[in-house]
Protein backbone atom coordinates (compact mmCIF):
# COMPACT_ATOMS: atom_id res chain seq x y z
CA MET A 1 145.12 80.21 -110.88
CA SER A 2 142.18 80.64 -113.16
CA GLN A 3 142.62 77.20 -114.62
CA THR A 4 142.82 75.67 -111.27
CA GLY A 5 139.83 77.57 -110.20
CA ASN A 6 138.03 76.47 -113.26
CA ARG A 7 138.91 72.87 -112.59
CA GLN A 8 137.71 73.25 -109.10
CA SER A 9 134.62 74.89 -110.35
CA GLY A 10 134.11 72.10 -112.82
CA THR A 11 134.65 69.59 -110.18
CA SER A 12 132.18 71.37 -108.11
CA ARG A 13 129.71 71.22 -110.80
CA SER A 14 130.44 67.63 -111.29
CA TYR A 15 129.71 66.95 -107.61
CA SER A 16 126.74 69.14 -107.92
CA SER A 17 125.63 67.26 -110.95
CA GLN A 18 126.16 63.97 -109.12
CA GLY A 19 124.30 65.28 -106.19
CA THR A 20 121.57 66.34 -108.46
CA ARG A 21 121.47 62.94 -109.98
CA LYS A 22 121.37 61.30 -106.64
CA THR A 23 118.63 63.50 -105.61
CA GLY A 24 116.81 62.96 -108.77
CA THR A 25 117.32 59.27 -108.62
CA GLY A 26 116.17 59.08 -105.00
CA ALA A 27 113.12 61.07 -105.76
CA SER A 28 112.45 59.04 -108.80
CA ARG A 29 112.80 55.79 -106.81
CA LYS A 30 110.59 57.03 -104.08
CA THR A 31 108.02 58.14 -106.58
CA SER A 32 108.25 54.89 -108.41
CA GLN A 33 108.03 52.86 -105.21
CA GLY A 34 105.20 55.00 -104.00
CA SER A 35 103.37 54.38 -107.23
CA ARG A 36 103.98 50.66 -106.91
CA GLY A 37 102.88 50.74 -103.35
CA GLN A 38 99.68 52.45 -104.27
CA SER A 39 99.21 50.08 -107.15
CA SER A 40 99.88 47.11 -104.82
CA ARG A 41 97.47 48.35 -102.22
CA TYR A 42 94.91 48.99 -104.87
CA LYS A 43 95.32 45.51 -106.26
CA SER A 44 95.32 43.83 -102.84
CA SER A 45 91.79 44.97 -102.27
CA TYR A 46 90.71 42.66 -105.06
CA GLN A 47 93.06 39.72 -104.26
CA PRO A 48 92.28 36.95 -101.76
CA ARG A 49 94.27 36.70 -98.48
CA GLY A 50 97.53 34.95 -98.82
CA GLY A 51 97.86 35.90 -102.47
CA SER A 52 101.30 36.45 -103.99
CA GLY A 53 102.64 39.79 -104.77
CA ARG A 54 105.20 42.19 -103.63
CA GLY A 55 102.83 43.72 -101.13
CA SER A 56 102.49 40.38 -99.24
CA LYS A 57 106.20 40.07 -98.69
CA ARG A 58 106.21 43.15 -96.49
CA LYS A 59 103.53 41.78 -94.03
CA LYS A 60 104.79 41.66 -90.34
CA ARG A 61 105.40 38.21 -88.68
CA PRO A 62 103.58 37.38 -85.32
CA GLN A 63 105.56 38.04 -82.05
CA TYR A 64 105.64 35.09 -79.44
CA ASP A 65 105.70 35.66 -75.61
CA ILE A 66 109.02 34.39 -74.16
CA THR A 67 107.31 33.39 -70.84
CA LYS A 68 104.96 31.01 -72.60
CA ILE A 69 107.84 29.45 -74.45
CA LEU A 70 109.81 28.80 -71.23
CA LEU A 71 106.72 27.38 -69.47
CA GLY A 72 106.17 24.97 -72.31
CA ILE A 73 109.77 23.79 -72.13
CA ILE A 74 109.53 23.17 -68.35
CA ILE A 75 106.30 21.18 -68.71
CA ALA A 76 107.87 19.04 -71.39
CA VAL A 77 110.94 18.32 -69.24
CA VAL A 78 108.80 17.35 -66.22
CA ALA A 79 106.68 15.05 -68.36
CA VAL A 80 109.78 13.30 -69.66
CA ILE A 81 111.11 12.82 -66.11
CA VAL A 82 107.79 11.37 -64.88
CA ILE A 83 107.61 8.96 -67.78
CA MET A 84 111.19 7.80 -67.20
CA ALA A 85 110.53 7.27 -63.46
CA ALA A 86 107.38 5.25 -64.17
CA VAL A 87 109.22 3.07 -66.65
CA LYS A 88 112.03 2.52 -64.16
CA PHE A 89 109.57 1.61 -61.33
CA VAL A 90 107.67 -0.88 -63.46
CA GLY A 91 110.89 -2.38 -64.66
CA SER A 92 112.30 -2.75 -61.13
CA ARG A 93 109.29 -4.56 -59.55
CA PRO A 94 110.24 -8.06 -60.60
CA ALA A 95 113.75 -7.42 -59.31
CA GLU A 96 112.38 -6.32 -55.90
CA VAL A 97 110.18 -9.38 -55.62
CA GLU A 98 113.09 -11.50 -56.52
CA THR A 99 115.24 -9.73 -53.93
CA GLY A 100 112.58 -10.25 -51.24
CA GLU A 101 112.52 -13.94 -51.95
CA THR A 102 116.25 -14.28 -51.62
CA THR A 103 116.59 -12.44 -48.24
CA SER A 104 115.25 -15.36 -46.19
CA GLN A 105 118.15 -17.61 -46.80
CA PRO A 106 118.04 -20.88 -44.88
CA GLU A 107 120.58 -21.32 -42.12
CA PRO A 108 123.79 -22.77 -43.42
CA GLU A 109 124.27 -26.44 -42.93
CA LEU A 110 127.29 -27.70 -41.11
CA GLN A 111 129.84 -28.89 -43.64
CA LYS A 112 132.29 -29.95 -40.96
CA GLU A 113 131.89 -33.23 -39.13
CA VAL A 114 130.25 -32.33 -35.77
CA SER A 115 128.49 -34.51 -33.18
CA VAL A 116 126.67 -33.94 -29.87
CA ASP A 117 126.73 -36.86 -27.44
CA GLY A 118 127.46 -39.11 -30.42
CA ILE A 119 124.62 -37.66 -32.51
CA SER A 120 126.01 -36.47 -35.86
CA ILE A 121 124.59 -33.11 -36.93
CA THR A 122 126.81 -32.72 -40.00
CA GLY A 123 124.91 -31.31 -42.96
CA MET A 124 122.00 -30.23 -40.71
CA SER A 125 120.54 -26.80 -40.06
CA ARG A 126 120.16 -25.64 -36.47
CA GLU A 127 116.49 -26.67 -36.31
CA GLN A 128 117.28 -30.06 -37.79
CA ALA A 129 120.07 -30.56 -35.27
CA LYS A 130 117.77 -29.57 -32.37
CA LYS A 131 115.14 -32.06 -33.49
CA ALA A 132 117.72 -34.83 -33.78
CA ILE A 133 118.98 -34.24 -30.21
CA LEU A 134 115.49 -33.95 -28.67
CA ASP A 135 114.39 -37.10 -30.48
CA LYS A 136 117.12 -38.97 -28.66
CA TYR A 137 116.51 -37.26 -25.29
CA GLU A 138 112.74 -37.21 -24.97
CA TRP A 139 111.56 -35.11 -21.97
CA GLY A 140 109.02 -36.62 -19.59
CA MET A 141 110.24 -36.07 -16.01
CA LYS A 142 107.53 -36.33 -13.31
CA ILE A 143 107.18 -36.05 -9.53
CA THR A 144 104.67 -38.22 -7.72
CA TYR A 145 103.21 -38.20 -4.23
CA LYS A 146 100.90 -41.05 -3.37
CA ASP A 147 98.43 -41.20 -6.27
CA ASP A 148 99.03 -37.67 -7.54
CA THR A 149 101.51 -36.51 -10.20
CA TYR A 150 103.27 -33.26 -11.01
CA GLU A 151 104.86 -32.87 -14.46
CA VAL A 152 108.21 -31.09 -14.30
CA ALA A 153 108.67 -28.27 -16.80
CA ASP A 154 111.06 -29.03 -19.70
CA LEU A 155 114.55 -28.05 -18.52
CA LEU A 156 116.33 -29.74 -21.47
CA GLU A 157 115.27 -27.59 -24.40
CA THR A 158 116.92 -24.44 -23.04
CA LYS A 159 120.22 -26.25 -22.68
CA VAL A 160 120.04 -27.61 -26.24
CA ASP A 161 119.30 -24.15 -27.66
CA SER A 162 122.27 -22.68 -25.81
CA LEU A 163 124.65 -25.37 -27.06
CA LEU A 164 123.53 -25.10 -30.71
CA GLY A 165 123.91 -21.34 -30.51
CA ASP A 166 127.59 -21.79 -29.72
CA ILE A 167 128.05 -24.35 -32.50
CA TYR A 168 126.35 -22.42 -35.30
CA THR A 169 127.73 -18.97 -34.48
CA GLY A 170 131.37 -19.86 -34.00
CA GLU A 171 133.99 -22.23 -35.30
CA PRO A 172 132.56 -25.63 -34.33
CA LYS A 173 134.56 -28.44 -32.77
CA GLU A 174 134.21 -32.01 -33.86
CA SER A 175 132.55 -33.29 -30.68
CA TYR A 176 130.31 -31.78 -27.97
CA THR A 177 128.74 -33.03 -24.74
CA LEU A 178 125.35 -31.75 -23.53
CA ASP A 179 126.09 -30.13 -20.14
CA MET A 180 123.12 -30.15 -17.71
CA ASN A 181 124.83 -28.21 -14.91
CA GLY A 182 123.68 -24.75 -13.75
CA LEU A 183 119.99 -25.62 -13.33
CA ASP A 184 119.83 -25.34 -9.54
CA GLU A 185 117.39 -22.41 -9.48
CA ALA A 186 115.13 -23.99 -12.08
CA ALA A 187 115.07 -27.27 -10.15
CA ALA A 188 114.26 -25.43 -6.90
CA GLU A 189 111.36 -23.64 -8.59
CA GLU A 190 109.92 -26.93 -9.81
CA ALA A 191 110.29 -28.44 -6.34
CA ARG A 192 108.48 -25.45 -4.84
CA LYS A 193 105.58 -25.77 -7.28
CA ALA A 194 105.25 -29.49 -6.61
CA ALA A 195 105.32 -28.95 -2.84
CA ALA A 196 102.67 -26.24 -3.06
CA LYS A 197 100.38 -28.83 -4.60
CA TRP A 198 100.58 -31.17 -1.62
CA ASP A 199 101.59 -29.07 1.40
CA VAL A 200 98.87 -28.80 4.06
CA LYS A 201 99.20 -26.22 6.81
CA ALA A 202 98.64 -27.52 10.31
CA LYS A 203 95.43 -26.18 11.83
CA ASN A 204 95.45 -24.94 15.37
CA GLY A 205 92.69 -25.64 17.77
CA SER A 206 90.58 -22.50 17.83
CA VAL A 207 87.15 -21.05 18.32
CA SER A 208 84.90 -22.03 15.44
CA GLY A 209 81.40 -21.02 16.47
CA PHE A 210 79.14 -19.68 19.15
CA ASP A 211 76.10 -21.27 20.78
CA LYS A 212 73.87 -18.27 21.51
CA GLU A 213 71.38 -20.27 23.55
CA ALA A 214 74.07 -21.65 25.83
CA GLY A 215 76.19 -18.52 25.60
CA LYS A 216 79.29 -20.58 24.87
CA PHE A 217 81.90 -20.68 22.14
CA ILE A 218 82.45 -23.88 20.20
CA TYR A 219 86.04 -24.99 19.65
CA SER A 220 87.35 -27.10 16.79
CA GLY A 221 90.10 -29.65 17.28
CA GLU A 222 93.59 -29.32 15.94
CA GLN A 223 94.70 -30.93 12.68
CA ASN A 224 98.16 -32.07 11.63
CA GLY A 225 99.73 -30.62 8.53
CA LEU A 226 102.00 -31.99 5.79
CA VAL A 227 105.25 -30.55 4.44
CA ILE A 228 106.94 -31.91 1.31
CA ASP A 229 110.72 -32.23 1.57
CA GLN A 230 111.71 -29.68 -1.07
CA GLU A 231 115.43 -29.98 -0.40
CA LYS A 232 115.37 -33.68 -1.27
CA LEU A 233 113.26 -32.98 -4.35
CA VAL A 234 115.82 -30.49 -5.69
CA SER A 235 118.63 -32.97 -5.12
CA ASP A 236 116.74 -35.76 -6.92
CA ILE A 237 115.89 -33.54 -9.90
CA LEU A 238 119.50 -32.40 -10.35
CA ALA A 239 120.76 -35.99 -10.09
CA GLN A 240 118.42 -37.16 -12.87
CA LEU A 241 119.45 -34.21 -15.04
CA LYS A 242 123.12 -35.04 -14.57
CA ASP A 243 122.47 -38.66 -15.59
CA LYS A 244 120.39 -37.38 -18.53
CA ASN A 245 117.49 -39.48 -17.37
CA PHE A 246 114.94 -37.01 -18.66
CA SER A 247 111.98 -39.39 -18.33
CA ALA A 248 112.59 -40.16 -14.66
CA VAL A 249 109.70 -40.47 -12.20
CA ILE A 250 110.73 -38.96 -8.86
CA GLU A 251 108.83 -39.84 -5.70
CA ALA A 252 108.32 -36.96 -3.27
CA THR A 253 108.49 -37.48 0.46
CA GLY A 254 106.73 -35.49 3.15
CA LYS A 255 106.32 -35.39 6.88
CA GLU A 256 103.48 -34.45 9.17
CA THR A 257 103.64 -31.24 11.16
CA ALA A 258 101.92 -30.74 14.48
CA PRO A 259 99.82 -27.62 15.19
CA GLU A 260 101.11 -25.04 17.62
CA ILE A 261 97.88 -25.00 19.63
CA THR A 262 95.66 -27.91 20.53
CA GLU A 263 91.97 -27.62 21.27
CA ALA A 264 92.62 -27.95 25.00
CA GLN A 265 95.29 -25.27 24.84
CA ALA A 266 93.01 -22.99 22.83
CA LYS A 267 90.41 -23.07 25.58
CA GLU A 268 93.09 -21.94 28.00
CA LEU A 269 94.68 -19.34 25.72
CA TYR A 270 91.57 -17.66 24.34
CA GLN A 271 90.66 -14.59 26.33
CA VAL A 272 89.27 -11.11 25.97
CA ILE A 273 92.03 -9.16 24.23
CA GLY A 274 90.11 -5.89 23.85
CA THR A 275 86.91 -4.55 25.40
CA TYR A 276 84.99 -1.27 25.60
CA SER A 277 81.71 -0.16 27.20
CA THR A 278 79.41 2.83 26.66
CA THR A 279 76.17 4.02 28.24
CA THR A 280 73.12 4.65 26.08
CA THR A 281 70.16 7.01 26.51
CA ALA A 282 66.67 6.22 27.77
CA ASN A 283 65.19 6.46 24.27
CA LYS A 284 63.42 3.11 23.82
CA ASP A 285 63.46 3.08 20.02
CA ARG A 286 67.13 3.97 19.87
CA ASN A 287 67.99 1.35 22.48
CA LYS A 288 66.07 -1.29 20.53
CA ASN A 289 68.21 -0.55 17.49
CA ILE A 290 71.37 -0.82 19.59
CA GLU A 291 70.19 -4.14 20.98
CA LEU A 292 69.54 -5.58 17.49
CA ALA A 293 72.93 -4.46 16.16
CA ALA A 294 74.70 -5.93 19.20
CA GLU A 295 72.90 -9.25 18.69
CA ALA A 296 74.11 -9.32 15.06
CA LEU A 297 77.72 -9.01 16.23
CA ASN A 298 77.57 -11.38 19.18
CA GLY A 299 79.41 -14.64 18.47
CA LEU A 300 80.71 -13.58 15.06
CA ILE A 301 83.91 -15.48 14.06
CA LEU A 302 86.68 -14.05 11.87
CA GLN A 303 89.36 -16.32 10.42
CA PRO A 304 92.99 -15.16 10.05
CA GLY A 305 93.26 -12.56 7.28
CA GLU A 306 89.49 -12.07 7.04
CA GLU A 307 88.12 -8.51 6.92
CA PHE A 308 85.17 -7.46 9.05
CA SER A 309 82.54 -5.02 7.76
CA PHE A 310 79.99 -3.55 10.17
CA ASN A 311 77.46 -2.95 7.39
CA LYS A 312 77.87 -6.50 6.14
CA ALA A 313 77.64 -8.02 9.62
CA THR A 314 74.43 -6.22 10.58
CA GLY A 315 72.93 -5.97 7.12
CA GLU A 316 70.50 -3.24 6.19
CA ARG A 317 68.92 -1.73 9.29
CA SER A 318 65.30 -1.90 8.12
CA GLU A 319 61.92 -1.96 9.83
CA ALA A 320 61.38 -5.43 8.37
CA LYS A 321 64.25 -6.63 10.58
CA GLY A 322 62.82 -4.94 13.64
CA TYR A 323 64.78 -1.69 13.56
CA ARG A 324 62.78 1.33 14.65
CA PRO A 325 62.85 4.91 13.40
CA ALA A 326 65.02 7.03 15.65
CA GLY A 327 66.92 10.28 15.39
CA ALA A 328 69.92 10.10 13.10
CA TYR A 329 71.94 12.54 11.06
CA VAL A 330 71.95 11.99 7.29
CA ASN A 331 74.19 14.41 5.37
CA GLY A 332 74.13 16.69 8.38
CA GLU A 333 70.33 16.75 8.63
CA LEU A 334 68.44 15.32 11.61
CA VAL A 335 65.95 12.71 10.39
CA GLU A 336 63.95 9.85 11.80
CA GLU A 337 65.58 6.79 10.28
CA PRO A 338 65.21 3.05 11.00
CA GLY A 339 68.32 2.00 12.87
CA GLY A 340 69.10 5.39 14.35
CA GLY A 341 71.63 4.93 17.15
CA VAL A 342 73.63 2.00 15.72
CA CYS A 343 76.63 4.30 15.37
CA GLN A 344 77.09 3.87 19.12
CA VAL A 345 77.56 0.15 18.48
CA SER A 346 80.13 0.70 15.70
CA SER A 347 82.00 3.27 17.81
CA THR A 348 82.09 0.97 20.84
CA LEU A 349 83.38 -1.88 18.66
CA TYR A 350 85.97 0.44 17.10
CA ASN A 351 87.53 1.14 20.48
CA ALA A 352 87.59 -2.55 21.44
CA VAL A 353 89.30 -3.41 18.15
CA ILE A 354 91.96 -0.72 18.62
CA PHE A 355 92.79 -1.90 22.14
CA SER A 356 93.10 -5.53 21.00
CA GLY A 357 95.90 -4.72 18.54
CA LEU A 358 93.97 -5.50 15.34
CA THR A 359 94.29 -3.33 12.23
CA THR A 360 91.40 -1.07 11.19
CA THR A 361 90.95 -0.41 7.47
CA GLU A 362 88.02 2.05 7.42
CA ARG A 363 86.73 4.59 9.92
CA HIS A 364 84.75 7.84 9.56
CA ALA A 365 84.06 10.62 12.05
CA HIS A 366 80.48 11.77 12.69
CA SER A 367 79.09 15.02 11.32
CA TYR A 368 78.80 16.35 14.88
CA GLU A 369 80.68 15.62 18.08
CA PRO A 370 79.47 12.39 19.72
CA SER A 371 78.77 12.23 23.44
CA TYR A 372 79.05 8.51 24.17
CA VAL A 373 82.74 8.36 23.20
CA THR A 374 85.49 10.95 23.18
CA PRO A 375 85.42 13.01 19.96
CA GLY A 376 88.05 11.64 17.61
CA GLU A 377 87.44 8.09 18.81
CA ASP A 378 84.08 7.44 17.13
CA ALA A 379 83.19 5.45 14.01
CA MET A 380 80.16 6.55 11.99
CA VAL A 381 78.37 4.04 9.74
CA SER A 382 75.52 4.20 7.23
CA PHE A 383 74.31 1.23 5.22
CA GLY A 384 75.38 1.60 1.62
CA GLY A 385 77.84 4.34 2.60
CA PRO A 386 80.47 4.87 5.31
CA ASP A 387 81.54 1.65 7.01
CA MET A 388 83.71 0.50 9.89
CA LYS A 389 86.15 -2.25 8.89
CA PHE A 390 89.10 -4.12 10.35
CA ILE A 391 91.21 -7.20 9.52
CA ASN A 392 92.02 -10.18 11.71
CA THR A 393 95.80 -9.86 11.62
CA SER A 394 96.35 -12.64 14.16
CA SER A 395 97.34 -16.22 13.33
CA THR A 396 94.18 -17.71 14.82
CA ALA A 397 90.45 -17.07 14.58
CA ILE A 398 88.93 -14.34 16.73
CA ALA A 399 85.38 -13.84 17.98
CA LEU A 400 83.20 -10.93 19.04
CA ARG A 401 81.09 -10.77 22.17
CA ALA A 402 78.43 -8.06 22.45
CA SER A 403 75.90 -7.54 25.23
CA PHE A 404 73.34 -4.84 26.00
CA ALA A 405 71.39 -4.54 29.23
CA ASP A 406 70.29 -1.72 31.50
CA ARG A 407 71.52 0.87 28.97
CA GLN A 408 75.03 -0.59 29.14
CA LEU A 409 76.62 -1.66 25.84
CA LYS A 410 79.72 -3.82 26.08
CA ILE A 411 81.69 -5.26 23.16
CA SER A 412 84.75 -7.49 23.48
CA VAL A 413 87.21 -9.10 21.09
CA VAL A 414 88.05 -12.67 22.08
CA GLY A 415 91.20 -14.36 20.85
CA ILE A 416 94.73 -15.40 21.63
CA PRO A 417 96.68 -12.27 22.61
CA ILE A 418 98.26 -10.41 19.71
CA LEU A 419 100.26 -7.91 21.73
CA GLU A 420 103.27 -8.88 23.77
CA LYS A 421 102.73 -9.49 27.44
CA GLY A 422 102.58 -6.18 29.29
CA VAL A 423 101.92 -4.11 26.14
CA THR A 424 98.73 -2.04 25.94
CA LEU A 425 97.30 0.32 23.33
CA SER A 426 95.06 3.33 23.87
CA MET A 427 93.91 6.47 22.09
CA THR A 428 94.25 10.03 23.33
CA SER A 429 92.37 12.84 21.59
CA LYS A 430 92.80 16.59 21.90
CA LYS A 431 90.78 19.48 20.49
CA THR A 432 93.05 21.58 18.28
CA ALA A 433 90.58 24.15 16.91
CA GLU A 434 87.10 25.54 17.51
CA LEU A 435 85.00 26.32 14.44
CA ASP A 436 82.27 28.96 14.13
CA ALA A 437 78.69 27.78 14.36
CA PRO A 438 76.33 28.41 11.43
CA ALA A 439 74.07 31.49 11.43
CA PRO A 440 71.18 31.35 13.94
CA VAL A 441 67.79 29.97 12.97
CA TYR A 442 64.98 32.41 13.84
CA GLU A 443 61.43 31.39 14.71
CA GLU A 444 58.52 33.81 14.80
CA ASP A 445 56.72 34.02 18.19
CA GLN A 446 54.00 36.66 18.56
CA THR A 447 53.76 36.05 22.28
CA LEU A 448 57.01 37.98 22.62
CA GLN A 449 57.19 41.74 22.69
CA PRO A 450 58.36 43.44 19.47
CA GLY A 451 62.16 43.47 19.36
CA GLU A 452 62.40 40.82 22.07
CA GLU A 453 64.46 37.68 21.34
CA LYS A 454 64.56 34.44 23.26
CA ILE A 455 67.29 31.84 22.78
CA VAL A 456 65.57 28.48 22.67
CA LYS A 457 68.68 26.48 21.86
CA ALA A 458 72.22 27.75 22.19
CA GLU A 459 74.65 27.38 19.34
CA THR A 460 77.26 24.63 19.32
CA LYS A 461 80.71 25.35 17.98
CA GLY A 462 82.35 23.01 15.51
CA SER A 463 85.75 21.53 16.31
CA ARG A 464 88.85 19.78 15.06
CA TRP A 465 90.49 16.95 17.00
CA VAL A 466 93.78 15.12 16.66
CA THR A 467 94.02 11.55 17.96
CA ASN A 468 97.24 9.79 18.91
CA MET A 469 97.95 6.11 19.48
CA VAL A 470 99.72 5.51 22.77
CA THR A 471 101.68 2.31 23.39
CA LYS A 472 102.70 1.35 26.88
CA LYS A 473 104.96 -1.41 28.15
CA ASP A 474 104.33 -2.40 31.76
CA GLY A 475 102.59 0.94 32.26
CA VAL A 476 105.40 3.04 30.78
CA VAL A 477 104.75 5.00 27.58
CA VAL A 478 107.05 3.76 24.83
CA SER A 479 105.42 5.61 21.92
CA ASP A 480 102.86 8.38 21.44
CA GLU A 481 102.22 8.76 17.70
CA PHE A 482 99.72 10.53 15.47
CA PHE A 483 96.76 8.31 14.53
CA HIS A 484 94.16 10.44 12.71
CA ASN A 485 92.30 13.77 12.51
CA SER A 486 88.56 14.39 12.96
CA THR A 487 86.46 17.45 12.10
CA TYR A 488 82.96 18.11 13.43
CA ARG A 489 80.40 20.71 12.34
CA GLY A 490 78.84 23.30 14.57
CA LYS A 491 75.09 23.70 15.12
CA PRO A 492 73.17 26.97 14.83
CA ALA A 493 71.33 28.57 17.71
CA THR A 494 67.53 28.64 17.61
CA ILE A 495 66.11 32.06 18.54
CA LYS A 496 62.47 33.11 18.87
CA ARG A 497 61.45 36.71 18.10
CA ASN A 498 58.47 38.85 17.13
CA THR A 499 58.90 40.95 13.99
CA SER A 500 55.18 41.32 13.15
CA GLY A 501 54.54 44.20 15.51
CA VAL A 502 51.49 42.35 16.87
CA VAL A 503 51.50 40.79 20.32
CA VAL A 504 49.26 37.81 20.99
CA PRO A 505 48.66 36.97 24.65
CA ALA A 506 50.22 33.70 25.68
CA THR A 507 47.77 30.88 26.40
CA ASP A 508 47.87 28.87 29.58
CA GLU A 509 49.22 25.89 27.62
CA SER A 510 52.11 27.81 26.18
CA SER A 511 52.90 29.63 29.38
CA SER A 512 52.95 26.43 31.40
CA GLY A 513 55.29 24.64 29.04
CA GLY A 514 58.30 23.17 30.72
CA SER A 515 61.78 24.44 30.12
CA THR A 516 63.96 22.65 27.63
CA ILE A 517 67.31 21.02 28.12
CA ALA A 518 69.74 21.02 25.23
CA THR A 519 71.70 17.85 24.83
CA SER A 520 75.20 17.66 23.46
CA GLU A 521 73.82 16.67 20.08
CA GLY A 522 71.68 19.79 19.91
CA ASP A 523 68.27 18.13 20.25
CA THR A 524 65.88 18.95 23.05
CA SER A 525 63.60 16.94 25.26
CA PRO A 526 61.08 17.99 27.92
CA SER A 527 62.50 18.38 31.35
CA GLY A 528 61.68 15.36 33.44
CA GLY A 529 60.42 13.38 30.43
CA THR A 530 61.06 9.69 29.99
CA ASP A 531 63.52 10.33 27.16
CA THR A 532 65.74 12.62 29.18
CA PRO A 533 69.20 11.04 29.18
CA ALA A 534 70.90 10.40 32.42
CA THR A 535 74.11 12.21 33.16
CA THR A 536 76.67 9.69 31.97
CA ALA A 537 79.97 9.74 30.21
CA PRO A 538 81.96 7.45 27.93
CA THR A 539 83.80 4.72 29.73
CA GLN A 540 87.44 4.04 29.14
CA PRO A 541 88.87 0.55 28.79
CA THR A 542 90.25 -0.81 32.00
CA THR A 543 92.90 -3.39 32.58
CA ALA A 544 90.79 -6.37 33.58
CA GLN A 545 91.33 -10.05 34.00
CA PRO A 546 90.29 -12.13 30.97
CA ASP A 547 86.66 -13.23 31.02
CA THR A 548 87.70 -16.84 31.28
CA VAL A 549 87.82 -19.55 33.87
CA PRO A 550 90.72 -22.04 33.78
CA GLY A 551 89.75 -24.96 31.61
CA GLN A 552 86.95 -23.05 29.93
CA GLY A 553 86.85 -20.82 26.87
CA PRO A 554 85.36 -17.32 26.80
CA GLY A 555 81.62 -17.51 27.16
CA GLU A 556 81.79 -20.66 29.24
CA GLN A 557 82.06 -18.75 32.48
CA PRO A 558 79.01 -18.09 34.66
CA THR A 559 76.56 -15.55 33.26
CA SER A 560 77.24 -13.10 36.06
CA ALA A 561 80.87 -12.81 35.01
CA ALA A 562 79.84 -11.52 31.61
CA GLN A 563 77.66 -8.70 32.94
CA PRO A 564 79.12 -5.28 32.10
CA THR A 565 80.17 -3.02 34.91
CA THR A 566 79.75 0.72 34.89
CA THR A 567 83.01 2.56 35.36
CA GLN A 568 83.48 6.28 35.79
CA ALA A 569 84.94 7.94 32.73
CA VAL A 570 88.44 9.30 32.77
CA GLN A 571 88.89 12.42 30.71
CA PRO A 572 91.06 11.74 27.65
CA GLU A 573 94.59 12.98 27.65
CA GLY A 574 96.10 15.00 24.88
CA PRO A 575 99.15 13.60 23.16
CA GLY A 576 101.75 13.36 25.86
CA GLY A 577 99.48 15.19 28.32
CA SER A 578 98.27 14.22 31.74
CA GLY A 579 94.87 12.82 32.59
CA GLY A 580 92.04 14.48 34.41
CA ASN A 581 89.34 16.96 33.56
CA SER A 582 91.53 20.02 33.59
CA SER A 583 88.96 22.11 31.74
CA GLY A 584 86.51 21.93 34.61
CA GLN A 585 83.61 21.34 32.22
CA ASN A 586 80.55 19.44 33.32
CA VAL A 587 80.05 15.93 32.02
CA VAL A 588 77.70 16.10 29.03
CA PRO A 589 74.94 13.47 28.82
CA PRO A 590 74.87 11.28 25.71
CA SER A 591 72.46 12.21 22.97
CA PRO A 592 69.81 9.80 21.72
CA LEU A 593 70.50 10.90 18.15
CA SER A 594 73.88 9.34 17.38
């Protein structure tokens, strides 16, 4: 036990001794290293940077940012890709140019033996084959009439193109024949164009002028026409195409055509096909303007299809042409204007045109209700602005007759009847709404007592009218259809009053002033004065015998036959309504201001 314990104790000492040695050695090494380190640091203060020595080996290396490294790699890769793409593009350009040059390959030439009408096209392209065929069949077909020539359009080339298309797109045969069938429509079109060059329409005998001094129309004689035989032309063209005679000269044939109406017949057939009359006021200046406008229309001739313009026919209504200043409404304002009153002429003509069966193309209602025609049946004009227009839709020339005497204006349309026998046209107008008048206009009058008011001119309501076109056959209504709408403004009342609080005695002159009479247009004139209009009303067209005498044209009858007659107005009917003045209103005199 003691020996073992001693051995253990010895061992323990041995371990202890080893531990002591380790400790001693470690301490010694640390001390030695520490001394070297101090010596190294001491020496490094005298050595240049980068010098050798143990101390330099322990210096830390620099640390690089991983993000910067990755960014550099990406930039390098992109640069390589761009360079490779540029090299590839530059290298491919010659190849692309070369490819572009080789895409437009010429059409293949026929290797197989092929002929068209004996013309060999073997070894030819399509264009070469076309040229070879057209060189053999040179196109030069013509149509002649007397000394004139029409060159027929080339009908061969289309057929050649169609045939070569079949040959070069399919499996060609050895022999082909140029087929010229199937050109009927093309031949007919060429015949029509040639005929249009030489056809002459027969001219009917018709009115061609008017002798104002003699008061007679002048008639022109009839003329024969010419019609080219198109059916024969088509047949001749097709025959030459079938024979492949493409340079043929075809002679056209034509025949004369007689007119439908001779001069003698025209004198018998021409008659008044539409007429209308109105009564004017006693205003001398206004009546002078109406007279001048009527003279401008009298004897005017319109050819078939020609459009009439009132402003063009009369021209500018100026003082230089004799027109006088008279009351007229411009943009709703009453002004003194040269030519005031000519709207009565355009409105009278408008009615005559409607009744004749012609077609109107422009018509405007007045600003205010007219008195010389039924509202809704007027036609306002102003030079450079609103116009009244219509077209001669008949097959012969028409003429206008206009007369003015004793305040009676009459306008007629002369021509060969357009409407069927027994058919008549008329307008019926009906008021559909009444519009409020503008606010009153007040005038100061110190002769009145304070607070007293005196109506000098009553207000006029505005209105809306609807106009229908009524067609009758032998007096029986066959249609009653909407034609147009018209809207008219109202006029304010004029009221005198005294708001000053001062009363001035009325003078003898003012107290003896005559009463005033308001006209339908809203203007006033002294009672009993020379410009006071007579109580008249618009006249309606009446079924009358034509103003002609057998064997004579219109205007060739005695002067007395052309004098207008005054007829009592018939109140207009509403659409489908009955005639008569059912409202019981008094007849309103015409105003000198329209």
